N, C-alpha and C. Protein backbone atom coordinates (compact mmCIF):
# COMPACT_ATOMS: atom_id res chain seq x y z
N MET A 1 -65.28 10.14 -2.62
CA MET A 1 -64.43 8.90 -3.18
C MET A 1 -65.27 7.52 -3.44
N THR A 2 -65.02 6.81 -4.54
CA THR A 2 -65.81 5.68 -4.95
C THR A 2 -65.32 4.52 -4.00
N ARG A 3 -66.12 3.53 -3.99
CA ARG A 3 -65.66 2.46 -3.06
C ARG A 3 -64.40 1.75 -3.68
N PHE A 4 -64.41 1.81 -5.06
CA PHE A 4 -63.09 1.30 -5.79
C PHE A 4 -61.78 2.14 -5.21
N MET A 5 -61.98 3.37 -5.45
CA MET A 5 -60.95 4.34 -4.91
C MET A 5 -60.46 3.87 -3.59
N MET A 6 -61.50 4.05 -2.61
CA MET A 6 -61.19 3.59 -1.34
C MET A 6 -60.40 2.39 -1.04
N SER A 7 -60.88 1.42 -1.60
CA SER A 7 -60.16 0.20 -1.60
C SER A 7 -58.49 0.24 -2.29
N LEU A 8 -58.48 0.87 -3.12
CA LEU A 8 -56.93 1.04 -3.94
C LEU A 8 -56.35 1.76 -3.10
N THR A 9 -56.82 2.73 -2.38
CA THR A 9 -55.83 3.62 -1.44
C THR A 9 -55.57 2.72 -0.23
N LEU A 10 -56.46 1.75 0.42
CA LEU A 10 -56.10 1.04 1.46
C LEU A 10 -55.30 0.27 0.99
N ILE A 11 -55.35 -0.44 0.14
CA ILE A 11 -54.17 -1.26 -0.55
C ILE A 11 -52.83 -1.04 -0.52
N ILE A 12 -52.51 0.39 -1.32
CA ILE A 12 -51.53 1.02 -1.30
C ILE A 12 -51.10 1.23 0.05
N GLY A 13 -51.68 1.97 0.73
CA GLY A 13 -51.48 2.18 1.98
C GLY A 13 -50.57 1.03 3.04
N LEU A 14 -51.37 -0.04 2.77
CA LEU A 14 -50.98 -1.41 3.51
C LEU A 14 -49.60 -1.95 2.76
N MET A 15 -49.57 -1.88 1.36
CA MET A 15 -48.43 -2.26 0.70
C MET A 15 -47.07 -1.34 0.88
N LEU A 16 -47.14 0.03 1.02
CA LEU A 16 -46.00 0.79 1.26
C LEU A 16 -44.92 0.33 2.61
N PRO A 17 -45.64 0.20 3.65
CA PRO A 17 -44.76 -0.19 4.87
C PRO A 17 -43.89 -1.54 4.54
N LEU A 18 -44.57 -2.57 3.81
CA LEU A 18 -44.34 -3.56 3.65
C LEU A 18 -43.28 -3.54 2.65
N SER A 19 -43.27 -2.80 1.41
CA SER A 19 -42.22 -2.67 0.60
C SER A 19 -40.90 -1.89 1.39
N ALA A 20 -41.22 -1.25 2.19
CA ALA A 20 -40.25 -0.61 2.72
C ALA A 20 -39.20 -1.38 3.65
N CYS A 21 -40.07 -2.46 4.44
CA CYS A 21 -39.36 -3.46 5.20
C CYS A 21 -38.49 -4.23 4.23
N VAL A 22 -39.37 -4.83 3.15
CA VAL A 22 -38.24 -5.61 2.21
C VAL A 22 -37.11 -4.82 1.70
N ASP A 23 -37.13 -3.73 1.25
CA ASP A 23 -36.12 -3.01 0.71
C ASP A 23 -35.11 -2.95 1.99
N LEU A 24 -35.44 -2.67 3.20
CA LEU A 24 -34.57 -2.51 4.25
C LEU A 24 -33.67 -3.81 4.62
N LYS A 25 -34.28 -4.84 4.39
CA LYS A 25 -33.86 -6.22 4.63
C LYS A 25 -33.06 -6.58 3.54
N GLN A 26 -33.34 -6.29 2.29
CA GLN A 26 -32.52 -6.88 1.30
C GLN A 26 -31.08 -6.43 1.22
N PRO A 27 -30.15 -7.45 1.10
CA PRO A 27 -28.75 -6.93 1.34
C PRO A 27 -28.50 -6.48 -0.11
N ARG A 28 -27.74 -5.46 0.06
CA ARG A 28 -27.16 -4.74 -1.06
C ARG A 28 -26.10 -5.64 -1.97
N ASN A 29 -25.82 -5.16 -3.02
CA ASN A 29 -24.53 -5.99 -3.58
C ASN A 29 -23.27 -5.86 -2.79
N LYS A 30 -22.85 -7.06 -2.43
CA LYS A 30 -21.59 -7.03 -1.58
C LYS A 30 -20.33 -6.71 -2.35
N ILE A 31 -19.40 -5.80 -1.83
CA ILE A 31 -18.22 -5.44 -2.37
C ILE A 31 -17.15 -6.26 -1.78
N ASP A 32 -16.20 -6.91 -2.73
CA ASP A 32 -15.06 -7.68 -1.99
C ASP A 32 -13.87 -6.92 -2.05
N TYR A 33 -13.07 -6.74 -1.14
CA TYR A 33 -11.86 -6.31 -0.95
C TYR A 33 -10.97 -7.00 -1.01
N TYR A 34 -9.64 -6.48 -1.83
CA TYR A 34 -8.45 -7.51 -1.87
C TYR A 34 -7.26 -6.71 -1.61
N SER A 35 -6.20 -7.37 -0.99
CA SER A 35 -4.68 -6.65 -0.67
C SER A 35 -3.90 -7.40 -1.24
N LEU A 36 -2.80 -6.91 -1.21
CA LEU A 36 -1.31 -7.65 -1.45
C LEU A 36 -0.99 -8.65 -0.34
N GLU A 37 -0.53 -9.76 -0.25
CA GLU A 37 0.08 -10.50 0.86
C GLU A 37 1.10 -11.42 0.72
N TYR A 38 2.07 -11.06 1.21
CA TYR A 38 3.44 -11.92 0.78
C TYR A 38 4.47 -11.66 2.06
N ASP A 39 5.31 -12.45 2.25
CA ASP A 39 6.59 -12.39 3.35
C ASP A 39 7.56 -11.35 2.63
N PRO A 40 8.17 -10.52 3.40
CA PRO A 40 9.52 -9.85 2.78
C PRO A 40 10.32 -10.82 2.25
N PRO A 41 10.88 -10.15 1.05
CA PRO A 41 11.77 -11.43 0.18
C PRO A 41 13.21 -11.56 1.18
N ARG A 42 13.66 -12.74 1.08
CA ARG A 42 14.92 -12.95 1.86
C ARG A 42 16.23 -12.40 0.81
N MET A 43 17.06 -11.52 1.59
CA MET A 43 17.80 -10.83 0.80
C MET A 43 19.42 -11.61 1.58
N SER A 44 20.36 -11.28 0.57
CA SER A 44 21.58 -11.89 1.04
C SER A 44 22.04 -11.05 2.20
N GLU A 45 23.03 -11.91 3.15
CA GLU A 45 23.43 -11.32 4.25
C GLU A 45 24.68 -10.49 3.88
N LEU A 46 24.46 -9.26 3.65
CA LEU A 46 25.47 -8.34 3.23
C LEU A 46 25.78 -7.47 4.08
N GLU A 47 26.89 -6.69 4.22
CA GLU A 47 27.12 -5.58 5.45
C GLU A 47 26.42 -4.66 5.17
N PRO A 48 25.82 -4.08 6.17
CA PRO A 48 24.55 -2.71 5.79
C PRO A 48 25.43 -1.55 5.32
N VAL A 49 24.71 -0.59 4.60
CA VAL A 49 25.40 0.66 4.26
C VAL A 49 24.96 1.64 5.19
N ALA A 50 25.70 2.70 5.48
CA ALA A 50 25.35 3.69 6.32
C ALA A 50 24.56 4.73 5.62
N ALA A 51 22.95 4.36 5.31
CA ALA A 51 22.26 5.14 4.66
C ALA A 51 20.61 5.07 5.32
N VAL A 52 20.27 6.34 5.45
CA VAL A 52 18.91 6.47 6.03
C VAL A 52 18.09 6.72 4.84
N ILE A 53 17.01 5.96 4.51
CA ILE A 53 16.50 6.20 3.42
C ILE A 53 15.11 6.59 3.52
N LYS A 54 14.48 7.57 3.09
CA LYS A 54 13.18 7.87 3.24
C LYS A 54 12.33 7.58 1.85
N VAL A 55 11.17 6.63 1.94
CA VAL A 55 10.62 6.21 1.03
C VAL A 55 9.15 7.31 0.87
N GLU A 56 9.22 8.01 -0.09
CA GLU A 56 7.94 8.90 -0.47
C GLU A 56 6.80 7.93 -1.08
N LEU A 57 5.93 8.72 -0.90
CA LEU A 57 4.53 8.21 -1.75
C LEU A 57 4.53 7.80 -2.99
N PHE A 58 4.42 6.74 -3.51
CA PHE A 58 4.75 6.68 -5.06
C PHE A 58 3.25 7.28 -5.73
N SER A 59 3.60 7.94 -6.87
CA SER A 59 2.49 8.45 -7.65
C SER A 59 2.00 7.51 -8.61
N VAL A 60 1.04 7.63 -9.11
CA VAL A 60 0.25 6.59 -9.67
C VAL A 60 -0.07 7.11 -11.08
N ALA A 61 -0.11 6.31 -12.31
CA ALA A 61 -0.43 6.66 -13.46
C ALA A 61 -2.16 7.13 -13.45
N PRO A 62 -2.39 7.89 -14.21
CA PRO A 62 -3.64 8.45 -14.18
C PRO A 62 -5.02 7.22 -13.92
N ILE A 63 -4.83 6.19 -15.00
CA ILE A 63 -5.74 5.36 -15.36
C ILE A 63 -5.70 4.21 -14.12
N TYR A 64 -4.75 3.92 -13.40
CA TYR A 64 -4.65 3.29 -12.28
C TYR A 64 -4.72 3.81 -10.83
N ASN A 65 -4.90 5.03 -10.83
CA ASN A 65 -5.25 5.96 -9.63
C ASN A 65 -6.28 6.17 -8.92
N THR A 66 -6.83 4.49 -8.79
CA THR A 66 -7.89 4.17 -7.92
C THR A 66 -7.87 2.99 -7.28
N THR A 67 -8.94 2.70 -6.42
CA THR A 67 -9.01 1.42 -5.76
C THR A 67 -9.82 0.51 -6.64
N LYS A 68 -10.09 0.62 -7.60
CA LYS A 68 -11.02 0.03 -8.73
C LYS A 68 -9.92 -1.17 -9.11
N ILE A 69 -10.38 -2.26 -9.36
CA ILE A 69 -9.50 -3.67 -10.19
C ILE A 69 -9.41 -3.31 -11.57
N ILE A 70 -8.59 -2.72 -12.17
CA ILE A 70 -8.54 -2.53 -13.69
C ILE A 70 -8.37 -3.77 -14.33
N TYR A 71 -8.67 -3.93 -15.46
CA TYR A 71 -8.40 -4.94 -16.34
C TYR A 71 -8.34 -4.78 -17.74
N ARG A 72 -7.72 -5.39 -18.75
CA ARG A 72 -7.53 -5.02 -20.02
C ARG A 72 -7.95 -6.29 -20.84
N ASP A 73 -9.13 -6.38 -21.47
CA ASP A 73 -9.28 -7.56 -22.18
C ASP A 73 -9.52 -7.34 -23.90
N GLN A 74 -9.24 -6.23 -23.78
CA GLN A 74 -9.21 -5.75 -25.70
C GLN A 74 -8.12 -4.68 -25.74
N ALA A 75 -7.55 -4.50 -27.02
CA ALA A 75 -6.28 -3.45 -27.11
C ALA A 75 -7.11 -2.24 -26.99
N TYR A 76 -6.48 -1.04 -26.53
CA TYR A 76 -6.83 0.35 -26.13
C TYR A 76 -8.06 0.28 -25.47
N GLN A 77 -8.46 -0.59 -24.50
CA GLN A 77 -9.61 -0.39 -23.84
C GLN A 77 -9.12 -0.84 -22.44
N ARG A 78 -9.79 -0.16 -21.31
CA ARG A 78 -9.52 -0.67 -19.78
C ARG A 78 -11.07 -0.63 -19.21
N ALA A 79 -11.23 -1.36 -18.14
CA ALA A 79 -12.39 -1.70 -17.50
C ALA A 79 -12.23 -2.05 -16.42
N SER A 80 -13.14 -1.83 -15.48
CA SER A 80 -12.91 -2.57 -13.89
C SER A 80 -13.96 -3.12 -13.32
N TYR A 81 -13.94 -3.80 -12.41
CA TYR A 81 -15.05 -4.60 -11.66
C TYR A 81 -15.78 -3.95 -10.79
N ALA A 82 -17.14 -4.29 -10.90
CA ALA A 82 -18.07 -3.52 -10.15
C ALA A 82 -18.35 -3.79 -8.66
N TYR A 83 -17.92 -5.01 -8.25
CA TYR A 83 -18.00 -5.54 -6.92
C TYR A 83 -16.78 -6.18 -6.19
N HIS A 84 -15.68 -5.55 -7.25
CA HIS A 84 -14.36 -6.30 -6.59
C HIS A 84 -13.34 -5.20 -6.61
N LYS A 85 -12.77 -4.71 -5.38
CA LYS A 85 -12.15 -3.39 -5.25
C LYS A 85 -10.78 -3.91 -4.67
N TRP A 86 -9.67 -3.26 -4.73
CA TRP A 86 -8.37 -3.14 -3.85
C TRP A 86 -8.98 -2.35 -2.64
N HIS A 87 -8.12 -2.82 -1.67
CA HIS A 87 -8.25 -2.08 -0.04
C HIS A 87 -7.64 -0.64 -0.17
N ALA A 88 -6.65 -0.60 -1.01
CA ALA A 88 -5.81 0.65 -1.24
C ALA A 88 -5.50 0.99 -2.55
N ASN A 89 -5.05 2.26 -2.86
CA ASN A 89 -4.54 2.64 -3.84
C ASN A 89 -3.28 1.93 -4.39
N PRO A 90 -3.02 1.56 -5.61
CA PRO A 90 -1.73 1.07 -5.94
C PRO A 90 -0.58 1.68 -5.52
N GLY A 91 -0.64 2.89 -5.39
CA GLY A 91 0.79 3.74 -4.95
C GLY A 91 0.91 3.61 -3.54
N GLU A 92 -0.08 3.25 -2.76
CA GLU A 92 -0.09 3.21 -1.31
C GLU A 92 0.38 1.73 -1.03
N PHE A 93 0.02 0.68 -1.77
CA PHE A 93 0.62 -0.68 -1.77
C PHE A 93 2.17 -0.60 -1.94
N ALA A 94 2.34 0.03 -3.13
CA ALA A 94 3.88 -0.02 -3.45
C ALA A 94 4.60 0.72 -2.53
N THR A 95 4.30 1.82 -2.07
CA THR A 95 4.96 2.48 -0.95
C THR A 95 5.25 1.87 0.34
N TYR A 96 4.25 1.24 0.87
CA TYR A 96 4.10 0.50 1.98
C TYR A 96 4.85 -0.91 1.99
N PHE A 97 4.74 -1.60 1.22
CA PHE A 97 5.34 -2.96 1.02
C PHE A 97 6.77 -2.75 0.55
N LEU A 98 7.22 -1.59 -0.22
CA LEU A 98 8.59 -1.59 -0.27
C LEU A 98 9.51 -0.93 0.86
N ALA A 99 8.78 -0.22 1.34
CA ALA A 99 9.29 0.26 2.91
C ALA A 99 9.47 -0.69 3.81
N ARG A 100 8.47 -1.54 3.70
CA ARG A 100 8.52 -2.72 4.85
C ARG A 100 9.57 -3.72 4.60
N ASP A 101 9.94 -3.88 3.21
CA ASP A 101 10.66 -4.98 2.78
C ASP A 101 12.27 -4.50 3.07
N MET A 102 12.26 -3.00 2.58
CA MET A 102 13.66 -2.39 2.89
C MET A 102 13.87 -2.50 4.45
N GLN A 103 13.06 -2.14 5.24
CA GLN A 103 13.46 -2.20 6.73
C GLN A 103 13.76 -3.87 7.08
N GLN A 104 13.02 -4.83 6.66
CA GLN A 104 13.39 -6.07 7.12
C GLN A 104 14.34 -6.73 6.37
N SER A 105 14.89 -6.11 5.38
CA SER A 105 16.37 -6.61 4.80
C SER A 105 17.51 -6.30 5.49
N ARG A 106 17.43 -5.25 6.54
CA ARG A 106 18.73 -4.93 7.37
C ARG A 106 19.80 -4.68 6.57
N LEU A 107 19.73 -3.98 5.27
CA LEU A 107 20.69 -3.64 4.59
C LEU A 107 21.15 -2.17 4.64
N PHE A 108 20.30 -1.59 5.25
CA PHE A 108 20.17 -0.08 5.44
C PHE A 108 20.48 0.24 6.97
N ARG A 109 20.91 1.36 7.23
CA ARG A 109 21.18 2.03 8.65
C ARG A 109 19.63 2.05 9.20
N ALA A 110 18.76 2.54 8.26
CA ALA A 110 17.37 2.93 8.66
C ALA A 110 16.63 3.17 7.25
N VAL A 111 15.29 2.74 7.42
CA VAL A 111 14.41 3.00 6.50
C VAL A 111 13.20 3.88 6.84
N LEU A 112 12.80 5.09 6.51
CA LEU A 112 11.81 5.86 6.78
C LEU A 112 10.66 6.19 6.14
N THR A 113 9.20 6.06 6.86
CA THR A 113 8.24 6.39 5.71
C THR A 113 7.93 7.80 5.52
N ARG A 114 7.14 8.21 4.83
CA ARG A 114 6.76 9.67 4.28
C ARG A 114 6.58 10.68 5.39
N ASN A 115 5.95 9.93 6.50
CA ASN A 115 5.65 11.02 7.71
C ASN A 115 6.68 11.06 8.59
N SER A 116 7.78 10.51 8.52
CA SER A 116 8.74 10.60 9.68
C SER A 116 9.32 11.85 9.40
N ARG A 117 9.74 12.38 10.78
CA ARG A 117 10.36 13.98 10.86
C ARG A 117 11.91 13.45 11.10
N LEU A 118 12.34 12.32 11.14
CA LEU A 118 13.78 12.14 11.13
C LEU A 118 14.72 12.37 10.13
N ALA A 119 15.99 12.82 10.31
CA ALA A 119 16.59 13.29 9.31
C ALA A 119 17.21 12.04 8.42
N TYR A 120 17.25 12.26 7.30
CA TYR A 120 17.56 11.18 6.17
C TYR A 120 18.83 11.56 5.25
N SER A 121 19.18 10.56 4.72
CA SER A 121 20.49 10.72 3.74
C SER A 121 20.13 10.66 2.35
N HIS A 122 18.98 9.92 2.14
CA HIS A 122 18.72 9.70 0.68
C HIS A 122 17.09 9.52 0.76
N VAL A 123 16.76 9.65 -0.52
CA VAL A 123 15.27 9.68 -0.80
C VAL A 123 14.98 8.87 -2.13
N LEU A 124 13.90 8.02 -1.57
CA LEU A 124 13.61 7.15 -2.72
C LEU A 124 11.98 7.46 -3.27
N GLU A 125 11.99 7.71 -4.53
CA GLU A 125 10.74 8.23 -5.11
C GLU A 125 10.40 7.28 -6.20
N GLY A 126 9.13 7.11 -6.33
CA GLY A 126 8.63 6.43 -7.52
C GLY A 126 7.31 6.46 -7.97
N SER A 127 6.78 5.67 -8.97
CA SER A 127 5.60 6.01 -9.77
C SER A 127 5.23 4.29 -9.93
N VAL A 128 3.77 4.31 -10.06
CA VAL A 128 3.04 2.81 -10.27
C VAL A 128 2.49 3.18 -11.61
N ASP A 129 3.28 2.49 -12.85
CA ASP A 129 3.08 2.87 -14.06
C ASP A 129 1.93 1.91 -14.79
N GLU A 130 2.13 0.62 -14.07
CA GLU A 130 0.93 -0.41 -14.64
C GLU A 130 0.58 -1.29 -13.24
N PHE A 131 -0.61 -1.41 -13.24
CA PHE A 131 -1.31 -2.30 -12.04
C PHE A 131 -2.51 -2.66 -12.57
N LEU A 132 -2.30 -3.76 -13.28
CA LEU A 132 -3.90 -4.46 -13.92
C LEU A 132 -3.85 -5.78 -14.15
N GLU A 133 -4.94 -6.32 -14.46
CA GLU A 133 -5.27 -7.83 -14.88
C GLU A 133 -5.16 -7.87 -16.34
N SER A 134 -4.44 -8.32 -17.01
CA SER A 134 -4.57 -8.60 -18.60
C SER A 134 -4.84 -9.69 -18.70
N ASP A 135 -6.04 -9.65 -19.32
CA ASP A 135 -6.80 -10.98 -20.05
C ASP A 135 -6.28 -11.36 -21.34
N SER A 136 -5.95 -12.54 -21.97
CA SER A 136 -6.07 -13.13 -22.97
C SER A 136 -6.66 -14.62 -23.19
N GLU A 137 -6.42 -15.30 -24.32
CA GLU A 137 -6.78 -16.35 -24.61
C GLU A 137 -6.00 -17.50 -23.89
N ASN A 138 -4.56 -17.14 -23.65
CA ASN A 138 -3.96 -17.94 -22.85
C ASN A 138 -3.84 -17.68 -21.43
N GLY A 139 -4.78 -16.94 -20.76
CA GLY A 139 -4.93 -16.96 -19.48
C GLY A 139 -4.77 -15.58 -18.89
N TRP A 140 -4.85 -15.20 -17.71
CA TRP A 140 -4.81 -13.77 -17.05
C TRP A 140 -3.58 -13.77 -16.63
N GLN A 141 -3.09 -12.56 -16.78
CA GLN A 141 -1.97 -11.87 -16.15
C GLN A 141 -1.94 -10.91 -15.11
N ALA A 142 -1.21 -10.95 -13.90
CA ALA A 142 -1.17 -9.65 -13.24
C ALA A 142 0.01 -8.80 -13.29
N VAL A 143 0.02 -7.66 -14.07
CA VAL A 143 1.00 -6.79 -14.52
C VAL A 143 1.47 -5.62 -13.57
N LEU A 144 2.64 -5.23 -13.53
CA LEU A 144 3.09 -4.49 -12.24
C LEU A 144 4.31 -3.86 -12.89
N ALA A 145 4.35 -2.21 -12.96
CA ALA A 145 5.20 -1.87 -13.58
C ALA A 145 5.63 -0.67 -12.58
N LEU A 146 6.65 -0.63 -11.99
CA LEU A 146 7.28 0.50 -11.08
C LEU A 146 8.34 1.10 -11.69
N SER A 147 8.51 2.72 -11.53
CA SER A 147 9.68 3.20 -11.88
C SER A 147 10.18 3.99 -10.54
N ILE A 148 11.49 3.85 -10.52
CA ILE A 148 12.01 4.57 -9.02
C ILE A 148 13.28 5.57 -9.30
N SER A 149 13.31 6.46 -8.64
CA SER A 149 14.46 7.26 -8.61
C SER A 149 14.76 7.56 -7.06
N LEU A 150 16.43 7.23 -6.84
CA LEU A 150 17.16 7.22 -5.83
C LEU A 150 17.85 8.35 -5.76
N MET A 151 17.95 9.41 -4.57
CA MET A 151 18.49 10.46 -4.76
C MET A 151 19.29 10.82 -3.38
N ALA A 152 20.24 11.75 -3.49
CA ALA A 152 20.90 12.15 -2.30
C ALA A 152 20.49 13.69 -2.24
N PRO A 153 19.62 14.08 -1.71
CA PRO A 153 19.12 15.54 -1.53
C PRO A 153 20.37 16.55 -1.10
N ASP A 154 21.03 15.95 -0.30
CA ASP A 154 22.20 17.30 0.34
C ASP A 154 23.42 17.27 -0.61
N GLU A 155 23.53 16.63 -1.76
CA GLU A 155 24.48 16.34 -2.62
C GLU A 155 24.55 17.90 -3.25
N PRO A 156 25.75 18.45 -3.09
CA PRO A 156 25.88 20.01 -3.74
C PRO A 156 26.01 20.23 -5.33
N ASP A 157 26.60 18.85 -5.73
CA ASP A 157 26.24 18.92 -7.07
C ASP A 157 25.09 18.46 -7.81
N VAL A 158 24.42 19.27 -8.35
CA VAL A 158 23.04 19.10 -9.03
C VAL A 158 23.14 17.85 -9.90
N THR A 159 24.16 17.58 -10.75
CA THR A 159 24.38 16.49 -11.69
C THR A 159 24.74 15.03 -10.79
N GLN A 160 24.92 15.22 -9.54
CA GLN A 160 25.10 14.06 -8.63
C GLN A 160 24.06 13.61 -8.02
N LYS A 161 23.11 14.54 -7.73
CA LYS A 161 21.63 14.37 -6.90
C LYS A 161 21.07 13.04 -7.15
N ILE A 162 20.94 12.84 -8.33
CA ILE A 162 20.16 11.43 -8.73
C ILE A 162 21.18 10.34 -9.01
N ILE A 163 20.94 9.24 -8.04
CA ILE A 163 21.97 8.36 -7.79
C ILE A 163 21.79 7.27 -9.35
N PHE A 164 20.28 6.80 -9.25
CA PHE A 164 19.93 5.95 -10.34
C PHE A 164 18.57 6.09 -10.44
N GLN A 165 18.11 5.86 -11.50
CA GLN A 165 16.75 5.83 -11.90
C GLN A 165 16.53 4.47 -13.01
N LYS A 166 15.17 4.05 -12.45
CA LYS A 166 15.19 2.46 -13.39
C LYS A 166 13.54 2.20 -13.50
N THR A 167 13.18 1.40 -14.40
CA THR A 167 11.51 0.84 -14.52
C THR A 167 11.79 -0.58 -14.30
N TYR A 168 10.87 -1.18 -13.59
CA TYR A 168 10.72 -2.46 -13.50
C TYR A 168 9.33 -2.85 -13.90
N ARG A 169 9.31 -4.05 -14.74
CA ARG A 169 7.96 -4.64 -15.06
C ARG A 169 8.12 -6.13 -14.90
N PHE A 170 7.05 -6.64 -14.16
CA PHE A 170 6.78 -7.92 -13.75
C PHE A 170 5.49 -8.40 -14.45
N SER A 171 5.12 -9.60 -14.89
CA SER A 171 3.99 -10.26 -15.10
C SER A 171 3.97 -11.59 -14.63
N LYS A 172 2.90 -11.81 -13.93
CA LYS A 172 2.42 -13.10 -13.12
C LYS A 172 1.44 -13.84 -13.58
N PRO A 173 1.45 -15.08 -13.98
CA PRO A 173 0.05 -15.51 -14.39
C PRO A 173 -0.79 -15.83 -13.13
N CYS A 174 -1.99 -15.72 -13.49
CA CYS A 174 -3.08 -16.05 -12.47
C CYS A 174 -3.43 -17.49 -12.44
N ARG A 175 -3.59 -18.06 -11.23
CA ARG A 175 -3.84 -19.63 -11.42
C ARG A 175 -5.14 -19.85 -11.85
N GLN A 176 -6.03 -19.13 -11.41
CA GLN A 176 -7.41 -19.03 -11.76
C GLN A 176 -8.04 -17.64 -12.32
N LYS A 177 -8.99 -17.82 -12.92
CA LYS A 177 -9.74 -16.44 -13.67
C LYS A 177 -10.67 -15.71 -12.71
N ASN A 178 -10.30 -15.36 -11.43
CA ASN A 178 -10.88 -14.54 -10.55
C ASN A 178 -9.99 -13.16 -9.88
N PRO A 179 -10.79 -12.52 -9.29
CA PRO A 179 -9.94 -11.35 -8.63
C PRO A 179 -9.11 -11.98 -7.46
N GLY A 180 -9.34 -13.07 -6.72
CA GLY A 180 -8.36 -13.51 -5.56
C GLY A 180 -7.23 -13.98 -6.38
N ALA A 181 -7.41 -14.84 -7.52
CA ALA A 181 -6.09 -15.20 -8.04
C ALA A 181 -4.97 -13.95 -8.44
N LEU A 182 -6.02 -13.12 -8.91
CA LEU A 182 -5.14 -11.83 -9.31
C LEU A 182 -4.43 -11.41 -8.05
N ALA A 183 -4.97 -11.12 -7.20
CA ALA A 183 -4.29 -10.68 -5.95
C ALA A 183 -3.03 -11.55 -5.53
N GLU A 184 -3.37 -12.82 -5.83
CA GLU A 184 -2.31 -13.68 -5.34
C GLU A 184 -1.20 -13.61 -6.51
N ALA A 185 -1.23 -13.12 -7.54
CA ALA A 185 -0.47 -13.21 -8.61
C ALA A 185 0.26 -11.72 -8.66
N MET A 186 -0.29 -10.79 -8.23
CA MET A 186 0.13 -9.44 -8.00
C MET A 186 0.95 -9.41 -6.77
N SER A 187 0.65 -10.12 -5.65
CA SER A 187 1.55 -10.14 -4.58
C SER A 187 3.01 -10.79 -4.98
N LEU A 188 2.94 -11.83 -5.76
CA LEU A 188 4.10 -12.43 -6.22
C LEU A 188 5.17 -11.32 -7.27
N ALA A 189 4.39 -10.80 -7.94
CA ALA A 189 4.97 -9.44 -9.04
C ALA A 189 5.51 -8.56 -8.07
N MET A 190 4.85 -8.00 -7.02
CA MET A 190 5.46 -6.84 -5.91
C MET A 190 6.61 -7.38 -4.99
N SER A 191 6.35 -8.73 -4.84
CA SER A 191 7.37 -9.59 -3.97
C SER A 191 8.97 -9.48 -4.73
N GLU A 192 8.55 -9.81 -6.21
CA GLU A 192 9.84 -9.77 -6.95
C GLU A 192 10.41 -8.28 -7.18
N ALA A 193 9.61 -7.47 -7.61
CA ALA A 193 10.05 -6.11 -7.74
C ALA A 193 10.70 -5.62 -6.60
N SER A 194 10.04 -5.76 -5.36
CA SER A 194 10.60 -5.52 -4.30
C SER A 194 12.20 -5.80 -3.89
N ALA A 195 12.13 -6.99 -4.39
CA ALA A 195 13.55 -7.82 -4.05
C ALA A 195 14.67 -7.25 -5.02
N LYS A 196 14.24 -6.73 -6.24
CA LYS A 196 15.10 -6.28 -7.23
C LYS A 196 15.25 -5.03 -6.82
N ILE A 197 14.25 -4.15 -6.56
CA ILE A 197 14.49 -2.86 -5.94
C ILE A 197 15.57 -2.60 -5.27
N ILE A 198 15.37 -3.26 -3.86
CA ILE A 198 16.31 -3.44 -2.79
C ILE A 198 17.70 -3.51 -3.11
N ASN A 199 17.81 -4.96 -3.88
CA ASN A 199 19.32 -5.24 -4.12
C ASN A 199 20.04 -3.99 -5.12
N ASP A 200 19.33 -3.37 -6.18
CA ASP A 200 19.75 -2.40 -6.95
C ASP A 200 20.11 -1.20 -6.01
N VAL A 201 19.21 -0.89 -5.19
CA VAL A 201 19.61 0.23 -4.17
C VAL A 201 20.74 -0.03 -3.27
N TYR A 202 20.97 -1.13 -3.11
CA TYR A 202 22.01 -1.53 -2.20
C TYR A 202 23.25 -1.31 -2.75
N GLU A 203 23.04 -1.98 -4.24
CA GLU A 203 24.61 -2.08 -5.02
C GLU A 203 24.86 -0.58 -5.11
N HIS A 204 24.17 0.36 -5.52
CA HIS A 204 24.31 1.57 -5.90
C HIS A 204 24.97 2.19 -4.78
N LEU A 205 24.56 1.96 -3.50
CA LEU A 205 24.87 2.87 -2.29
C LEU A 205 26.30 2.27 -1.67
N ALA A 206 26.35 0.96 -2.02
CA ALA A 206 27.62 0.34 -1.67
C ALA A 206 28.83 0.85 -2.52
N HIS A 207 28.42 1.18 -3.75
CA HIS A 207 29.55 1.44 -4.57
C HIS A 207 30.07 2.97 -4.21
N ARG A 208 29.10 3.83 -3.75
CA ARG A 208 29.49 5.02 -3.46
C ARG A 208 30.31 5.22 -1.91
N ARG A 209 30.57 4.20 -1.37
CA ARG A 209 31.22 4.33 0.07
C ARG A 209 32.59 4.56 -0.35
């Protein structure tokens, strides 16, 4: 081995551990996670209905069935952030917050989550049809669309099992152009959607008494 080759081998040998240390200490690209955050909506003080409602896990439209933050900035296109994500799937968000808000409303005898083994009189199923950031020249919008079905599973008449079905769509402006502002706007949209759904569920059940 020539003197040059020996020197080169020595230099490479010394650099390898150093590069390994540098790689280990270099911070990876940090991912920021976002959640919805809002107080349960205040509902009217009405007489509770004698209904025990089980809230099933919401399904999600394929394009939004992810923890990635999806945005639309061009027609027919959807994209996602690389280093910003939701803490949970949109279906889990919608299921949790709606069940929580229904419980806090005190308008129903009880509200059960999907894992409960208690008996129930009604089932609330739903889907998240839209859950995205919509960008335009006029600013960013948080867009939320939910479809729900309220059912009475023990109703013997199959035509009466489905009490009602409805789709709700809300759009809230983002105060700034960043994912944090999107999470804030989406929280407002979910709060408004939840209040409207709870009111509609109550009205339909109250009229069946």
